[in-house]
N, C-alpha and C. Protein backbone atom coordinates (compact mmCIF):
# COMPACT_ATOMS: atom_id res chain seq x y z
N UNK A 1 236.68 227.83 195.89
CA UNK A 1 237.81 228.57 196.42
C UNK A 1 238.91 227.61 196.87
N UNK A 2 238.52 226.57 197.59
CA UNK A 2 239.49 225.61 198.08
C UNK A 2 240.17 224.84 196.95
N UNK A 3 239.40 224.53 195.92
CA UNK A 3 239.98 223.83 194.77
C UNK A 3 241.01 224.69 194.06
N UNK A 4 240.72 225.97 193.95
CA UNK A 4 241.64 226.89 193.28
C UNK A 4 242.97 227.01 194.04
N UNK A 5 242.88 227.12 195.36
CA UNK A 5 244.09 227.21 196.17
C UNK A 5 244.88 225.91 196.07
N UNK A 6 244.18 224.79 196.09
CA UNK A 6 244.84 223.49 195.97
C UNK A 6 245.55 223.37 194.62
N UNK A 7 244.88 223.77 193.55
CA UNK A 7 245.49 223.70 192.22
C UNK A 7 246.68 224.64 192.10
N UNK A 8 246.59 225.83 192.68
CA UNK A 8 247.70 226.77 192.66
C UNK A 8 248.90 226.22 193.43
N UNK A 9 248.65 225.65 194.60
CA UNK A 9 249.74 225.06 195.39
C UNK A 9 250.37 223.86 194.66
N UNK A 10 249.55 223.05 194.02
CA UNK A 10 250.06 221.91 193.27
C UNK A 10 250.91 222.37 192.09
N UNK A 11 250.45 223.38 191.37
CA UNK A 11 251.21 223.93 190.26
C UNK A 11 252.54 224.50 190.74
N UNK A 12 252.51 225.27 191.83
CA UNK A 12 253.74 225.87 192.36
C UNK A 12 254.73 224.79 192.79
N UNK A 13 254.24 223.74 193.44
CA UNK A 13 255.10 222.65 193.87
C UNK A 13 255.73 221.94 192.68
N UNK A 14 254.93 221.62 191.67
CA UNK A 14 255.45 220.93 190.49
C UNK A 14 256.44 221.80 189.72
N UNK A 15 256.12 223.08 189.57
CA UNK A 15 257.01 224.00 188.86
C UNK A 15 258.36 224.10 189.57
N UNK A 16 258.33 224.29 190.90
CA UNK A 16 259.56 224.42 191.67
C UNK A 16 260.35 223.12 191.65
N UNK A 17 259.67 221.99 191.75
CA UNK A 17 260.34 220.70 191.71
C UNK A 17 261.02 220.46 190.38
N UNK A 18 260.33 220.74 189.30
CA UNK A 18 260.95 220.59 187.97
C UNK A 18 262.13 221.54 187.81
N UNK A 19 261.95 222.77 188.27
CA UNK A 19 262.98 223.80 188.15
C UNK A 19 264.25 223.43 188.91
N UNK A 20 264.11 222.88 190.11
CA UNK A 20 265.28 222.60 190.94
C UNK A 20 265.86 221.21 190.74
N UNK A 21 265.04 220.23 190.40
CA UNK A 21 265.54 218.86 190.33
C UNK A 21 265.78 218.34 188.93
N UNK A 22 265.06 218.85 187.95
CA UNK A 22 265.18 218.31 186.59
C UNK A 22 265.95 219.25 185.67
N UNK A 23 265.70 220.55 185.77
CA UNK A 23 266.29 221.49 184.83
C UNK A 23 267.82 221.55 184.86
N UNK A 24 268.48 221.28 185.98
CA UNK A 24 269.95 221.28 185.92
C UNK A 24 270.52 220.22 184.98
N UNK A 25 269.74 219.20 184.65
CA UNK A 25 270.21 218.14 183.77
C UNK A 25 269.84 218.38 182.30
N UNK A 26 269.09 219.44 182.03
CA UNK A 26 268.69 219.77 180.67
C UNK A 26 269.72 220.73 180.09
N UNK A 27 270.04 220.56 178.83
CA UNK A 27 271.03 221.41 178.17
C UNK A 27 270.62 222.88 178.25
N UNK A 28 271.59 223.76 178.49
CA UNK A 28 271.29 225.18 178.67
C UNK A 28 270.78 225.86 177.41
N UNK A 29 271.00 225.25 176.25
CA UNK A 29 270.52 225.84 175.00
C UNK A 29 269.12 225.35 174.61
N UNK A 30 268.57 224.43 175.39
CA UNK A 30 267.24 223.90 175.09
C UNK A 30 266.18 224.99 175.30
N UNK A 31 265.19 225.08 174.41
CA UNK A 31 264.17 226.14 174.53
C UNK A 31 263.36 226.09 175.82
N UNK A 32 263.23 224.92 176.44
CA UNK A 32 262.45 224.84 177.67
C UNK A 32 263.11 225.60 178.82
N UNK A 33 264.40 225.87 178.70
CA UNK A 33 265.10 226.65 179.73
C UNK A 33 264.54 228.07 179.83
N UNK A 34 263.91 228.56 178.77
CA UNK A 34 263.34 229.91 178.79
C UNK A 34 262.12 230.01 179.69
N UNK A 35 261.53 228.89 180.09
CA UNK A 35 260.35 228.90 180.95
C UNK A 35 260.70 229.07 182.42
N UNK A 36 261.99 229.00 182.75
CA UNK A 36 262.42 229.04 184.14
C UNK A 36 263.45 230.14 184.36
N UNK A 37 263.41 230.81 185.52
CA UNK A 37 264.44 231.80 185.84
C UNK A 37 265.79 231.12 186.09
N UNK A 38 266.82 231.91 186.29
CA UNK A 38 268.13 231.33 186.55
C UNK A 38 268.11 230.56 187.88
N UNK A 39 269.05 229.66 188.03
CA UNK A 39 269.03 228.73 189.17
C UNK A 39 269.26 229.41 190.51
N UNK A 40 269.96 230.54 190.54
CA UNK A 40 270.20 231.18 191.84
C UNK A 40 268.91 231.67 192.48
N UNK A 41 267.89 231.93 191.66
CA UNK A 41 266.60 232.35 192.20
C UNK A 41 265.86 231.19 192.87
N UNK A 42 266.27 229.97 192.60
CA UNK A 42 265.66 228.81 193.26
C UNK A 42 265.97 228.82 194.76
N UNK A 43 267.03 229.50 195.15
CA UNK A 43 267.36 229.65 196.57
C UNK A 43 266.88 231.00 197.09
N UNK A 44 267.05 232.05 196.31
CA UNK A 44 266.70 233.40 196.76
C UNK A 44 265.21 233.55 197.07
N UNK A 45 264.36 233.04 196.22
CA UNK A 45 262.91 233.21 196.41
C UNK A 45 262.42 232.55 197.70
N UNK A 46 262.75 231.28 197.98
CA UNK A 46 262.30 230.69 199.25
C UNK A 46 262.89 231.39 200.48
N UNK A 47 264.14 231.85 200.38
CA UNK A 47 264.74 232.55 201.51
C UNK A 47 264.00 233.86 201.77
N UNK A 48 263.65 234.59 200.72
CA UNK A 48 262.90 235.84 200.89
C UNK A 48 261.52 235.56 201.49
N UNK A 49 260.88 234.50 201.04
CA UNK A 49 259.56 234.16 201.59
C UNK A 49 259.67 233.79 203.06
N UNK A 50 260.69 233.01 203.42
CA UNK A 50 260.87 232.65 204.82
C UNK A 50 261.18 233.85 205.70
N UNK A 51 262.01 234.77 205.22
CA UNK A 51 262.31 235.98 205.99
C UNK A 51 261.06 236.84 206.17
N UNK A 52 260.28 236.98 205.11
CA UNK A 52 259.05 237.75 205.20
C UNK A 52 258.07 237.10 206.19
N UNK A 53 257.94 235.79 206.11
CA UNK A 53 257.03 235.08 207.02
C UNK A 53 257.51 235.19 208.47
N UNK A 54 258.81 235.02 208.70
CA UNK A 54 259.35 235.11 210.06
C UNK A 54 259.17 236.53 210.61
N UNK A 55 259.39 237.54 209.78
CA UNK A 55 259.18 238.91 210.23
C UNK A 55 257.73 239.21 210.54
N UNK A 56 256.83 238.70 209.72
CA UNK A 56 255.40 238.91 209.96
C UNK A 56 254.94 238.22 211.23
N UNK A 57 255.36 236.98 211.41
CA UNK A 57 254.98 236.24 212.63
C UNK A 57 255.59 236.88 213.86
N UNK A 58 256.86 237.27 213.77
CA UNK A 58 257.51 237.93 214.91
C UNK A 58 256.84 239.25 215.26
N UNK A 59 256.46 240.02 214.26
CA UNK A 59 255.76 241.28 214.51
C UNK A 59 254.41 241.03 215.16
N UNK A 60 253.69 240.04 214.67
CA UNK A 60 252.38 239.71 215.25
C UNK A 60 252.52 239.29 216.71
N UNK A 61 253.47 238.43 217.00
CA UNK A 61 253.68 237.98 218.38
C UNK A 61 254.08 239.15 219.26
N UNK A 62 254.95 240.03 218.77
CA UNK A 62 255.35 241.20 219.54
C UNK A 62 254.19 242.12 219.84
N UNK A 63 253.34 242.37 218.84
CA UNK A 63 252.17 243.24 219.05
C UNK A 63 251.21 242.62 220.05
N UNK A 64 250.99 241.32 219.95
CA UNK A 64 250.10 240.64 220.89
C UNK A 64 250.67 240.70 222.30
N UNK A 65 251.97 240.53 222.45
CA UNK A 65 252.58 240.58 223.78
C UNK A 65 252.48 241.98 224.39
N UNK A 66 252.65 243.00 223.58
CA UNK A 66 252.57 244.38 224.09
C UNK A 66 251.13 244.70 224.49
N UNK A 67 250.18 244.29 223.71
CA UNK A 67 248.78 244.61 223.99
C UNK A 67 248.15 243.73 225.05
N UNK A 68 248.79 242.64 225.41
CA UNK A 68 248.14 241.70 226.33
C UNK A 68 248.54 241.90 227.78
N UNK A 69 249.07 243.05 228.11
CA UNK A 69 249.39 243.28 229.53
C UNK A 69 248.07 243.37 230.29
N UNK A 70 247.98 242.58 231.32
CA UNK A 70 246.73 242.53 232.08
C UNK A 70 246.65 243.74 233.02
N UNK A 71 245.45 244.17 233.36
CA UNK A 71 245.29 245.30 234.29
C UNK A 71 245.92 245.00 235.65
N UNK A 72 245.92 243.73 236.05
CA UNK A 72 246.51 243.34 237.34
C UNK A 72 248.02 243.60 237.33
N UNK A 73 248.68 243.25 236.23
CA UNK A 73 250.13 243.48 236.12
C UNK A 73 250.43 244.97 236.12
N UNK A 74 249.56 245.77 235.52
CA UNK A 74 249.79 247.22 235.49
C UNK A 74 249.63 247.79 236.89
N UNK A 75 248.65 247.32 237.67
CA UNK A 75 248.45 247.79 239.04
C UNK A 75 249.63 247.42 239.92
N UNK A 76 250.22 246.26 239.71
CA UNK A 76 251.34 245.82 240.54
C UNK A 76 252.59 246.64 240.25
N UNK A 77 252.72 247.19 239.06
CA UNK A 77 253.89 247.99 238.71
C UNK A 77 253.84 249.34 239.39
N UNK A 78 252.68 249.86 239.70
CA UNK A 78 252.55 251.19 240.29
C UNK A 78 252.86 251.16 241.72
């Protein structure tokens, strides 16, 4: 399981690195360009992932804060 995740992460890193750092220098008519999406997605995809991660973490922290009110704090409010 760990090897598979490592290989997937390595593939994703290499693919993204080639896509963002090497492909801009390759001619647009070259057939290898068909293996990669357009360049604007090189920014859109990481931004969407970061927004999703920030929203998930923020929601988790908010839920934990709401549920973690101690009985002592509730007694003091009354």
